[in-house]
PDB file of N, CA and C in Angstrom:
ATOM      1  N   UNK A   1      87.250 138.514 103.919  1.00  0.00           N
ATOM      2  CA  UNK A   1      88.432 138.140 104.661  1.00  0.00           C
ATOM      3  C   UNK A   1      88.836 136.711 104.273  1.00  0.00           C
ATOM      4  N   UNK A   2      90.130 136.498 104.110  1.00  0.00           N
ATOM      5  CA  UNK A   2      90.650 135.183 103.751  1.00  0.00           C
ATOM      6  C   UNK A   2      91.261 134.534 104.990  1.00  0.00           C
ATOM      7  N   UNK A   3      90.843 133.315 105.257  1.00  0.00           N
ATOM      8  CA  UNK A   3      91.347 132.536 106.387  1.00  0.00           C
ATOM      9  C   UNK A   3      92.218 131.419 105.818  1.00  0.00           C
ATOM     10  N   UNK A   4      93.499 131.394 106.172  1.00  0.00           N
ATOM     11  CA  UNK A   4      94.408 130.371 105.655  1.00  0.00           C
ATOM     12  C   UNK A   4      94.394 129.152 106.563  1.00  0.00           C
ATOM     13  N   UNK A   5      94.254 127.985 105.931  1.00  0.00           N
ATOM     14  CA  UNK A   5      94.232 126.719 106.664  1.00  0.00           C
ATOM     15  C   UNK A   5      95.312 125.796 106.131  1.00  0.00           C
ATOM     16  N   UNK A   6      96.018 125.158 107.058  1.00  0.00           N
ATOM     17  CA  UNK A   6      97.037 124.177 106.660  1.00  0.00           C
ATOM     18  C   UNK A   6      96.325 122.936 106.126  1.00  0.00           C
ATOM     19  N   UNK A   7      96.740 122.520 104.919  1.00  0.00           N
ATOM     20  CA  UNK A   7      96.130 121.307 104.378  1.00  0.00           C
ATOM     21  C   UNK A   7      97.150 120.210 104.098  1.00  0.00           C
ATOM     22  N   UNK A   8      98.440 120.580 104.042  1.00  0.00           N
ATOM     23  CA  UNK A   8      99.458 119.582 103.699  1.00  0.00           C
ATOM     24  C   UNK A   8     100.832 120.115 104.090  1.00  0.00           C
ATOM     25  N   UNK A   9     101.829 119.284 103.888  1.00  0.00           N
ATOM     26  CA  UNK A   9     103.228 119.698 103.995  1.00  0.00           C
ATOM     27  C   UNK A   9     103.883 119.468 102.636  1.00  0.00           C
ATOM     28  N   UNK A  10     104.954 120.192 102.383  1.00  0.00           N
ATOM     29  CA  UNK A  10     105.599 120.159 101.068  1.00  0.00           C
ATOM     30  C   UNK A  10     105.920 118.743 100.602  1.00  0.00           C
ATOM     31  N   UNK A  11     106.331 117.886 101.518  1.00  0.00           N
ATOM     32  CA  UNK A  11     106.742 116.531 101.137  1.00  0.00           C
ATOM     33  C   UNK A  11     105.557 115.634 100.754  1.00  0.00           C
ATOM     34  N   UNK A  12     104.333 116.094 100.964  1.00  0.00           N
ATOM     35  CA  UNK A  12     103.159 115.302 100.590  1.00  0.00           C
ATOM     36  C   UNK A  12     103.008 115.158  99.083  1.00  0.00           C
ATOM     37  N   UNK A  13     103.540 116.121  98.326  1.00  0.00           N
ATOM     38  CA  UNK A  13     103.407 116.090  96.867  1.00  0.00           C
ATOM     39  C   UNK A  13     104.766 116.273  96.207  1.00  0.00           C
ATOM     40  N   UNK A  14     105.081 115.383  95.302  1.00  0.00           N
ATOM     41  CA  UNK A  14     106.268 115.538  94.466  1.00  0.00           C
ATOM     42  C   UNK A  14     105.889 116.402  93.269  1.00  0.00           C
ATOM     43  N   UNK A  15     106.874 116.994  92.611  1.00  0.00           N
ATOM     44  CA  UNK A  15     106.586 117.812  91.445  1.00  0.00           C
ATOM     45  C   UNK A  15     105.885 116.956  90.384  1.00  0.00           C
ATOM     46  N   UNK A  16     104.846 117.520  89.776  1.00  0.00           N
ATOM     47  CA  UNK A  16     104.090 116.797  88.754  1.00  0.00           C
ATOM     48  C   UNK A  16     102.993 115.916  89.314  1.00  0.00           C
ATOM     49  N   UNK A  17     102.587 116.177  90.581  1.00  0.00           N
ATOM     50  CA  UNK A  17     101.530 115.367  91.193  1.00  0.00           C
ATOM     51  C   UNK A  17     100.436 116.269  91.764  1.00  0.00           C
ATOM     52  N   UNK A  18      99.327 115.634  92.120  1.00  0.00           N
ATOM     53  CA  UNK A  18      98.189 116.358  92.686  1.00  0.00           C
ATOM     54  C   UNK A  18      97.468 115.446  93.666  1.00  0.00           C
ATOM     55  N   UNK A  19      96.762 116.081  94.618  1.00  0.00           N
ATOM     56  CA  UNK A  19      96.033 115.320  95.629  1.00  0.00           C
ATOM     57  C   UNK A  19      94.841 116.139  96.092  1.00  0.00           C
ATOM     58  N   UNK A  20      93.722 115.460  96.303  1.00  0.00           N
ATOM     59  CA  UNK A  20      92.507 116.131  96.762  1.00  0.00           C
ATOM     60  C   UNK A  20      92.462 116.181  98.286  1.00  0.00           C
ATOM     61  N   UNK A  21      92.007 117.329  98.795  1.00  0.00           N
ATOM     62  CA  UNK A  21      91.793 117.528 100.226  1.00  0.00           C
ATOM     63  C   UNK A  21      90.391 118.084 100.403  1.00  0.00           C
ATOM     64  N   UNK A  22      89.715 117.682 101.463  1.00  0.00           N
ATOM     65  CA  UNK A  22      88.394 118.208 101.781  1.00  0.00           C
ATOM     66  C   UNK A  22      88.535 119.142 102.975  1.00  0.00           C
ATOM     67  N   UNK A  23      88.224 120.427 102.741  1.00  0.00           N
ATOM     68  CA  UNK A  23      88.408 121.456 103.754  1.00  0.00           C
ATOM     69  C   UNK A  23      87.139 122.296 103.824  1.00  0.00           C
ATOM     70  N   UNK A  24      86.551 122.378 104.997  1.00  0.00           N
ATOM     71  CA  UNK A  24      85.347 123.192 105.198  1.00  0.00           C
ATOM     72  C   UNK A  24      84.291 122.938 104.121  1.00  0.00           C
ATOM     73  N   UNK A  25      83.964 121.696 103.897  1.00  0.00           N
ATOM     74  CA  UNK A  25      82.948 121.299 102.912  1.00  0.00           C
ATOM     75  C   UNK A  25      83.314 121.663 101.473  1.00  0.00           C
ATOM     76  N   UNK A  26      84.588 121.878 101.206  1.00  0.00           N
ATOM     77  CA  UNK A  26      85.055 122.148  99.840  1.00  0.00           C
ATOM     78  C   UNK A  26      86.016 121.048  99.428  1.00  0.00           C
ATOM     79  N   UNK A  27      85.915 120.656  98.160  1.00  0.00           N
ATOM     80  CA  UNK A  27      86.852 119.690  97.596  1.00  0.00           C
ATOM     81  C   UNK A  27      87.932 120.504  96.873  1.00  0.00           C
ATOM     82  N   UNK A  28      89.141 120.449  97.394  1.00  0.00           N
ATOM     83  CA  UNK A  28      90.240 121.248  96.862  1.00  0.00           C
ATOM     84  C   UNK A  28      91.306 120.326  96.306  1.00  0.00           C
ATOM     85  N   UNK A  29      91.743 120.623  95.097  1.00  0.00           N
ATOM     86  CA  UNK A  29      92.824 119.872  94.472  1.00  0.00           C
ATOM     87  C   UNK A  29      94.103 120.678  94.629  1.00  0.00           C
ATOM     88  N   UNK A  30      95.060 120.110  95.350  1.00  0.00           N
ATOM     89  CA  UNK A  30      96.365 120.740  95.506  1.00  0.00           C
ATOM     90  C   UNK A  30      97.291 120.145  94.461  1.00  0.00           C
ATOM     91  N   UNK A  31      97.923 121.010  93.700  1.00  0.00           N
ATOM     92  CA  UNK A  31      98.772 120.589  92.585  1.00  0.00           C
ATOM     93  C   UNK A  31     100.177 121.144  92.790  1.00  0.00           C
ATOM     94  N   UNK A  32     101.173 120.310  92.541  1.00  0.00           N
ATOM     95  CA  UNK A  32     102.556 120.768  92.536  1.00  0.00           C
ATOM     96  C   UNK A  32     103.106 120.511  91.136  1.00  0.00           C
ATOM     97  N   UNK A  33     103.412 121.593  90.431  1.00  0.00           N
ATOM     98  CA  UNK A  33     103.938 121.472  89.085  1.00  0.00           C
ATOM     99  C   UNK A  33     104.907 122.603  88.802  1.00  0.00           C
ATOM    100  N   UNK A  34     105.949 122.294  88.098  1.00  0.00           N
ATOM    101  CA  UNK A  34     106.982 123.266  87.745  1.00  0.00           C
ATOM    102  C   UNK A  34     107.486 124.012  88.978  1.00  0.00           C
ATOM    103  N   UNK A  35     107.566 123.285  90.097  1.00  0.00           N
ATOM    104  CA  UNK A  35     108.110 123.843  91.332  1.00  0.00           C
ATOM    105  C   UNK A  35     107.166 124.722  92.124  1.00  0.00           C
ATOM    106  N   UNK A  36     105.926 124.869  91.679  1.00  0.00           N
ATOM    107  CA  UNK A  36     104.949 125.726  92.350  1.00  0.00           C
ATOM    108  C   UNK A  36     103.761 124.911  92.838  1.00  0.00           C
ATOM    109  N   UNK A  37     103.082 125.442  93.853  1.00  0.00           N
ATOM    110  CA  UNK A  37     101.860 124.835  94.364  1.00  0.00           C
ATOM    111  C   UNK A  37     100.663 125.681  93.943  1.00  0.00           C
ATOM    112  N   UNK A  38      99.582 125.000  93.554  1.00  0.00           N
ATOM    113  CA  UNK A  38      98.334 125.660  93.160  1.00  0.00           C
ATOM    114  C   UNK A  38      97.181 124.909  93.813  1.00  0.00           C
ATOM    115  N   UNK A  39      96.100 125.644  94.112  1.00  0.00           N
ATOM    116  CA  UNK A  39      94.908 125.030  94.689  1.00  0.00           C
ATOM    117  C   UNK A  39      93.697 125.468  93.876  1.00  0.00           C
ATOM    118  N   UNK A  40      92.945 124.479  93.404  1.00  0.00           N
ATOM    119  CA  UNK A  40      91.747 124.731  92.603  1.00  0.00           C
ATOM    120  C   UNK A  40      90.621 123.837  93.099  1.00  0.00           C
ATOM    121  N   UNK A  41      89.399 124.136  92.650  1.00  0.00           N
ATOM    122  CA  UNK A  41      88.277 123.267  92.950  1.00  0.00           C
ATOM    123  C   UNK A  41      88.575 121.892  92.352  1.00  0.00           C
ATOM    124  N   UNK A  42      88.295 120.836  93.100  1.00  0.00           N
ATOM    125  CA  UNK A  42      88.661 119.483  92.681  1.00  0.00           C
ATOM    126  C   UNK A  42      87.646 118.818  91.762  1.00  0.00           C
ATOM    127  N   UNK A  43      86.501 119.474  91.513  1.00  0.00           N
ATOM    128  CA  UNK A  43      85.457 118.862  90.700  1.00  0.00           C
ATOM    129  C   UNK A  43      85.336 119.582  89.363  1.00  0.00           C
ATOM    130  N   UNK A  44      85.328 118.826  88.291  1.00  0.00           N
ATOM    131  CA  UNK A  44      85.167 119.388  86.952  1.00  0.00           C
ATOM    132  C   UNK A  44      83.838 120.132  86.875  1.00  0.00           C
ATOM    133  N   UNK A  45      83.853 121.300  86.271  1.00  0.00           N
ATOM    134  CA  UNK A  45      82.633 122.100  86.146  1.00  0.00           C
ATOM    135  C   UNK A  45      81.706 121.572  85.053  1.00  0.00           C
ATOM    136  N   UNK A  46      82.182 120.668  84.226  1.00  0.00           N
ATOM    137  CA  UNK A  46      81.352 120.122  83.149  1.00  0.00           C
ATOM    138  C   UNK A  46      80.483 118.967  83.630  1.00  0.00           C
ATOM    139  N   UNK A  47      81.096 117.981  84.275  1.00  0.00           N
ATOM    140  CA  UNK A  47      80.326 116.782  84.626  1.00  0.00           C
ATOM    141  C   UNK A  47      80.642 116.257  86.018  1.00  0.00           C
ATOM    142  N   UNK A  48      81.146 117.088  86.885  1.00  0.00           N
ATOM    143  CA  UNK A  48      81.426 116.744  88.273  1.00  0.00           C
ATOM    144  C   UNK A  48      82.325 115.514  88.401  1.00  0.00           C
ATOM    145  N   UNK A  49      83.324 115.414  87.535  1.00  0.00           N
ATOM    146  CA  UNK A  49      84.331 114.373  87.673  1.00  0.00           C
ATOM    147  C   UNK A  49      85.399 114.821  88.653  1.00  0.00           C
ATOM    148  N   UNK A  50      85.963 113.885  89.388  1.00  0.00           N
ATOM    149  CA  UNK A  50      87.038 114.212  90.324  1.00  0.00           C
ATOM    150  C   UNK A  50      88.350 114.339  89.545  1.00  0.00           C
ATOM    151  N   UNK A  51      88.887 115.540  89.515  1.00  0.00           N
ATOM    152  CA  UNK A  51      90.087 115.818  88.724  1.00  0.00           C
ATOM    153  C   UNK A  51      91.306 115.052  89.230  1.00  0.00           C
ATOM    154  N   UNK A  52      91.324 114.690  90.496  1.00  0.00           N
ATOM    155  CA  UNK A  52      92.433 113.900  91.038  1.00  0.00           C
ATOM    156  C   UNK A  52      92.588 112.583  90.280  1.00  0.00           C
ATOM    157  N   UNK A  53      91.488 112.071  89.725  1.00  0.00           N
ATOM    158  CA  UNK A  53      91.522 110.818  88.970  1.00  0.00           C
ATOM    159  C   UNK A  53      91.938 111.036  87.518  1.00  0.00           C
ATOM    160  N   UNK A  54      92.138 112.295  87.134  1.00  0.00           N
ATOM    161  CA  UNK A  54      92.542 112.625  85.770  1.00  0.00           C
ATOM    162  C   UNK A  54      94.052 112.660  85.629  1.00  0.00           C
ATOM    163  N   UNK A  55      94.497 113.379  84.618  1.00  0.00           N
ATOM    164  CA  UNK A  55      95.927 113.436  84.305  1.00  0.00           C
ATOM    165  C   UNK A  55      96.414 114.877  84.398  1.00  0.00           C
ATOM    166  N   UNK A  56      97.620 115.042  84.925  1.00  0.00           N
ATOM    167  CA  UNK A  56      98.264 116.343  85.017  1.00  0.00           C
ATOM    168  C   UNK A  56      99.417 116.375  84.019  1.00  0.00           C
ATOM    169  N   UNK A  57      99.350 117.320  83.092  1.00  0.00           N
ATOM    170  CA  UNK A  57     100.419 117.510  82.111  1.00  0.00           C
ATOM    171  C   UNK A  57     100.880 118.954  82.201  1.00  0.00           C
ATOM    172  N   UNK A  58     102.022 119.178  82.808  1.00  0.00           N
ATOM    173  CA  UNK A  58     102.495 120.541  83.009  1.00  0.00           C
ATOM    174  C   UNK A  58     101.550 121.287  83.919  1.00  0.00           C
ATOM    175  N   UNK A  59     100.953 122.361  83.419  1.00  0.00           N
ATOM    176  CA  UNK A  59     100.016 123.174  84.194  1.00  0.00           C
ATOM    177  C   UNK A  59      98.566 122.920  83.810  1.00  0.00           C
ATOM    178  N   UNK A  60      98.317 121.804  83.148  1.00  0.00           N
ATOM    179  CA  UNK A  60      96.977 121.479  82.689  1.00  0.00           C
ATOM    180  C   UNK A  60      96.515 120.166  83.326  1.00  0.00           C
ATOM    181  N   UNK A  61      95.302 120.187  83.892  1.00  0.00           N
ATOM    182  CA  UNK A  61      94.723 118.979  84.468  1.00  0.00           C
ATOM    183  C   UNK A  61      93.534 118.571  83.606  1.00  0.00           C
ATOM    184  N   UNK A  62      93.455 117.268  83.310  1.00  0.00           N
ATOM    185  CA  UNK A  62      92.427 116.719  82.432  1.00  0.00           C
ATOM    186  C   UNK A  62      91.418 115.909  83.247  1.00  0.00           C
ATOM    187  N   UNK A  63      90.148 116.156  82.989  1.00  0.00           N
ATOM    188  CA  UNK A  63      89.084 115.421  83.659  1.00  0.00           C
ATOM    189  C   UNK A  63      89.038 113.989  83.120  1.00  0.00           C
ATOM    190  N   UNK A  64      88.882 112.998  84.001  1.00  0.00           N
ATOM    191  CA  UNK A  64      88.841 111.608  83.549  1.00  0.00           C
ATOM    192  C   UNK A  64      87.542 111.219  82.841  1.00  0.00           C
ATOM    193  N   UNK A  65      86.498 112.033  82.956  1.00  0.00           N
ATOM    194  CA  UNK A  65      85.209 111.646  82.375  1.00  0.00           C
ATOM    195  C   UNK A  65      85.106 111.939  80.882  1.00  0.00           C
ATOM    196  N   UNK A  66      85.360 113.184  80.486  1.00  0.00           N
ATOM    197  CA  UNK A  66      85.156 113.563  79.085  1.00  0.00           C
ATOM    198  C   UNK A  66      86.351 114.285  78.477  1.00  0.00           C
ATOM    199  N   UNK A  67      87.457 114.384  79.205  1.00  0.00           N
ATOM    200  CA  UNK A  67      88.673 114.977  78.646  1.00  0.00           C
ATOM    201  C   UNK A  67      88.746 116.480  78.679  1.00  0.00           C
ATOM    202  N   UNK A  68      87.783 117.139  79.322  1.00  0.00           N
ATOM    203  CA  UNK A  68      87.893 118.580  79.501  1.00  0.00           C
ATOM    204  C   UNK A  68      89.149 118.881  80.308  1.00  0.00           C
ATOM    205  N   UNK A  69      89.706 120.076  80.123  1.00  0.00           N
ATOM    206  CA  UNK A  69      90.951 120.406  80.813  1.00  0.00           C
ATOM    207  C   UNK A  69      90.909 121.832  81.345  1.00  0.00           C
ATOM    208  N   UNK A  70      91.770 122.071  82.349  1.00  0.00           N
ATOM    209  CA  UNK A  70      91.845 123.362  83.017  1.00  0.00           C
ATOM    210  C   UNK A  70      93.300 123.720  83.289  1.00  0.00           C
ATOM    211  N   UNK A  71      93.584 125.019  83.280  1.00  0.00           N
ATOM    212  CA  UNK A  71      94.892 125.533  83.675  1.00  0.00           C
ATOM    213  C   UNK A  71      94.889 125.629  85.198  1.00  0.00           C
ATOM    214  N   UNK A  72      95.794 124.924  85.863  1.00  0.00           N
ATOM    215  CA  UNK A  72      95.805 124.902  87.328  1.00  0.00           C
ATOM    216  C   UNK A  72      96.237 126.242  87.916  1.00  0.00           C
ATOM    217  N   UNK A  73      96.878 127.090  87.129  1.00  0.00           N
ATOM    218  CA  UNK A  73      97.324 128.398  87.622  1.00  0.00           C
ATOM    219  C   UNK A  73      96.183 129.395  87.714  1.00  0.00           C
ATOM    220  N   UNK A  74      95.183 129.246  86.844  1.00  0.00           N
ATOM    221  CA  UNK A  74      94.113 130.235  86.764  1.00  0.00           C
ATOM    222  C   UNK A  74      92.718 129.643  86.917  1.00  0.00           C
ATOM    223  N   UNK A  75      92.592 128.332  86.760  1.00  0.00           N
ATOM    224  CA  UNK A  75      91.291 127.675  86.772  1.00  0.00           C
ATOM    225  C   UNK A  75      90.565 127.754  85.442  1.00  0.00           C
ATOM    226  N   UNK A  76      91.145 128.445  84.459  1.00  0.00           N
ATOM    227  CA  UNK A  76      90.499 128.634  83.162  1.00  0.00           C
ATOM    228  C   UNK A  76      90.384 127.319  82.396  1.00  0.00           C
ATOM    229  N   UNK A  77      89.239 127.086  81.755  1.00  0.00           N
ATOM    230  CA  UNK A  77      89.113 125.898  80.919  1.00  0.00           C
ATOM    231  C   UNK A  77      90.021 126.026  79.699  1.00  0.00           C
ATOM    232  N   UNK A  78      90.656 124.925  79.328  1.00  0.00           N
ATOM    233  CA  UNK A  78      91.582 124.935  78.194  1.00  0.00           C
ATOM    234  C   UNK A  78      91.171 123.958  77.102  1.00  0.00           C
ATOM    235  N   UNK A  79      90.200 123.108  77.398  1.00  0.00           N
ATOM    236  CA  UNK A  79      89.758 122.123  76.408  1.00  0.00           C
ATOM    237  C   UNK A  79      88.293 121.773  76.667  1.00  0.00           C
ATOM    238  N   UNK A  80      87.511 121.787  75.599  1.00  0.00           N
ATOM    239  CA  UNK A  80      86.102 121.408  75.697  1.00  0.00           C
ATOM    240  C   UNK A  80      85.990 119.926  76.037  1.00  0.00           C
ATOM    241  N   UNK A  81      84.932 119.495  76.668  1.00  0.00           N
ATOM    242  CA  UNK A  81      83.693 120.220  76.870  1.00  0.00           C
ATOM    243  C   UNK A  81      83.685 121.162  78.074  1.00  0.00           C
ATOM    244  N   UNK A  82      84.770 121.255  78.824  1.00  0.00           N
ATOM    245  CA  UNK A  82      84.808 122.200  79.941  1.00  0.00           C
ATOM    246  C   UNK A  82      84.791 123.626  79.400  1.00  0.00           C
ATOM    247  N   UNK A  83      83.856 124.436  79.914  1.00  0.00           N
ATOM    248  CA  UNK A  83      83.795 125.825  79.463  1.00  0.00           C
ATOM    249  C   UNK A  83      83.536 126.814  80.603  1.00  0.00           C
ATOM    250  N   UNK A  84      83.440 126.309  81.833  1.00  0.00           N
ATOM    251  CA  UNK A  84      83.265 127.154  83.004  1.00  0.00           C
ATOM    252  C   UNK A  84      84.521 127.027  83.864  1.00  0.00           C
ATOM    253  N   UNK A  85      85.124 128.137  84.275  1.00  0.00           N
ATOM    254  CA  UNK A  85      86.357 128.071  85.066  1.00  0.00           C
ATOM    255  C   UNK A  85      86.145 127.430  86.433  1.00  0.00           C
ATOM    256  N   UNK A  86      87.234 126.904  86.962  1.00  0.00           N
ATOM    257  CA  UNK A  86      87.256 126.366  88.315  1.00  0.00           C
ATOM    258  C   UNK A  86      87.595 127.486  89.295  1.00  0.00           C
ATOM    259  N   UNK A  87      87.104 127.365  90.520  1.00  0.00           N
ATOM    260  CA  UNK A  87      87.510 128.288  91.576  1.00  0.00           C
ATOM    261  C   UNK A  87      88.980 128.033  91.901  1.00  0.00           C
ATOM    262  N   UNK A  88      89.721 129.102  92.142  1.00  0.00           N
ATOM    263  CA  UNK A  88      91.127 129.020  92.554  1.00  0.00           C
ATOM    264  C   UNK A  88      91.250 129.549  93.975  1.00  0.00           C
ATOM    265  N   UNK A  89      92.201 129.014  94.705  1.00  0.00           N
ATOM    266  CA  UNK A  89      92.433 129.429  96.085  1.00  0.00           C
ATOM    267  C   UNK A  89      93.887 129.860  96.234  1.00  0.00           C
ATOM    268  N   UNK A  90      94.136 130.942  96.978  1.00  0.00           N
ATOM    269  CA  UNK A  90      95.521 131.366  97.192  1.00  0.00           C
ATOM    270  C   UNK A  90      96.270 130.347  98.050  1.00  0.00           C
ATOM    271  N   UNK A  91      97.548 130.187  97.756  1.00  0.00           N
ATOM    272  CA  UNK A  91      98.398 129.243  98.477  1.00  0.00           C
ATOM    273  C   UNK A  91      99.544 130.009  99.119  1.00  0.00           C
ATOM    274  N   UNK A  92      99.811 129.689 100.393  1.00  0.00           N
ATOM    275  CA  UNK A  92     100.957 130.253 101.111  1.00  0.00           C
ATOM    276  C   UNK A  92     101.797 129.099 101.630  1.00  0.00           C
ATOM    277  N   UNK A  93     103.111 129.267 101.553  1.00  0.00           N
ATOM    278  CA  UNK A  93     104.033 128.284 102.117  1.00  0.00           C
ATOM    279  C   UNK A  93     104.662 128.911 103.352  1.00  0.00           C
ATOM    280  N   UNK A  94     104.555 128.230 104.472  1.00  0.00           N
ATOM    281  CA  UNK A  94     105.185 128.671 105.718  1.00  0.00           C
ATOM    282  C   UNK A  94     106.063 127.537 106.206  1.00  0.00           C
ATOM    283  N   UNK A  95     107.356 127.667 105.972  1.00  0.00           N
ATOM    284  CA  UNK A  95     108.273 126.577 106.296  1.00  0.00           C
ATOM    285  C   UNK A  95     107.958 125.394 105.417  1.00  0.00           C
ATOM    286  N   UNK A  96     107.546 124.286 106.011  1.00  0.00           N
ATOM    287  CA  UNK A  96     107.161 123.089 105.260  1.00  0.00           C
ATOM    288  C   UNK A  96     105.650 122.981 105.076  1.00  0.00           C
ATOM    289  N   UNK A  97     104.903 123.861 105.729  1.00  0.00           N
ATOM    290  CA  UNK A  97     103.435 123.798 105.695  1.00  0.00           C
ATOM    291  C   UNK A  97     102.884 124.478 104.441  1.00  0.00           C
ATOM    292  N   UNK A  98     101.830 123.866 103.895  1.00  0.00           N
ATOM    293  CA  UNK A  98     101.102 124.436 102.764  1.00  0.00           C
ATOM    294  C   UNK A  98      99.739 124.878 103.297  1.00  0.00           C
ATOM    295  N   UNK A  99      99.456 126.164 103.126  1.00  0.00           N
ATOM    296  CA  UNK A  99      98.199 126.730 103.588  1.00  0.00           C
ATOM    297  C   UNK A  99      97.400 127.213 102.378  1.00  0.00           C
ATOM    298  N   UNK A 100      96.088 127.000 102.445  1.00  0.00           N
ATOM    299  CA  UNK A 100      95.196 127.438 101.377  1.00  0.00           C
ATOM    300  C   UNK A 100      94.231 128.464 101.962  1.00  0.00           C
ATOM    301  N   UNK A 101      94.042 129.559 101.219  1.00  0.00           N
ATOM    302  CA  UNK A 101      93.172 130.628 101.671  1.00  0.00           C
ATOM    303  C   UNK A 101      91.728 130.394 101.275  1.00  0.00           C
ATOM    304  N   UNK A 102      90.856 130.438 102.270  1.00  0.00           N
ATOM    305  CA  UNK A 102      89.422 130.277 102.051  1.00  0.00           C
ATOM    306  C   UNK A 102      88.720 131.522 102.569  1.00  0.00           C
ATOM    307  N   UNK A 103      87.787 132.024 101.790  1.00  0.00           N
ATOM    308  CA  UNK A 103      87.032 133.193 102.238  1.00  0.00           C
ATOM    309  C   UNK A 103      86.136 132.792 103.379  1.00  0.00           C
ATOM    310  N   UNK A 104      86.140 133.619 104.419  1.00  0.00           N
ATOM    311  CA  UNK A 104      85.277 133.347 105.568  1.00  0.00           C
ATOM    312  C   UNK A 104      84.114 134.332 105.575  1.00  0.00           C
ATOM    313  N   UNK A 105      83.062 133.919 106.211  1.00  0.00           N
ATOM    314  CA  UNK A 105      81.849 134.761 106.244  1.00  0.00           C
ATOM    315  C   UNK A 105      82.001 135.913 107.201  1.00  0.00           C
TER     316      UNK A 105
END
């Protein structure tokens, strides 16, 4: 079962930006790019770098530690040394609220 939690409002992020939120002991990176919102795990799977401190280019986020990159739409690694995908979370927009879906026990 997926439980949706409000983590932000639309005005919190301009297009081409990202911000980390901590929800239920998870570090989630909320990204707004090309007019869409995406939610992925905020920690690089290669060296546990905080992706919020990296660079966002289109739909690709780059880790600040070693330059590994991920597609924010799918979590798939796009550049070595990252080779393990990031967890992705479903996003729902309700009015101005941004909700992220988290699996509940």
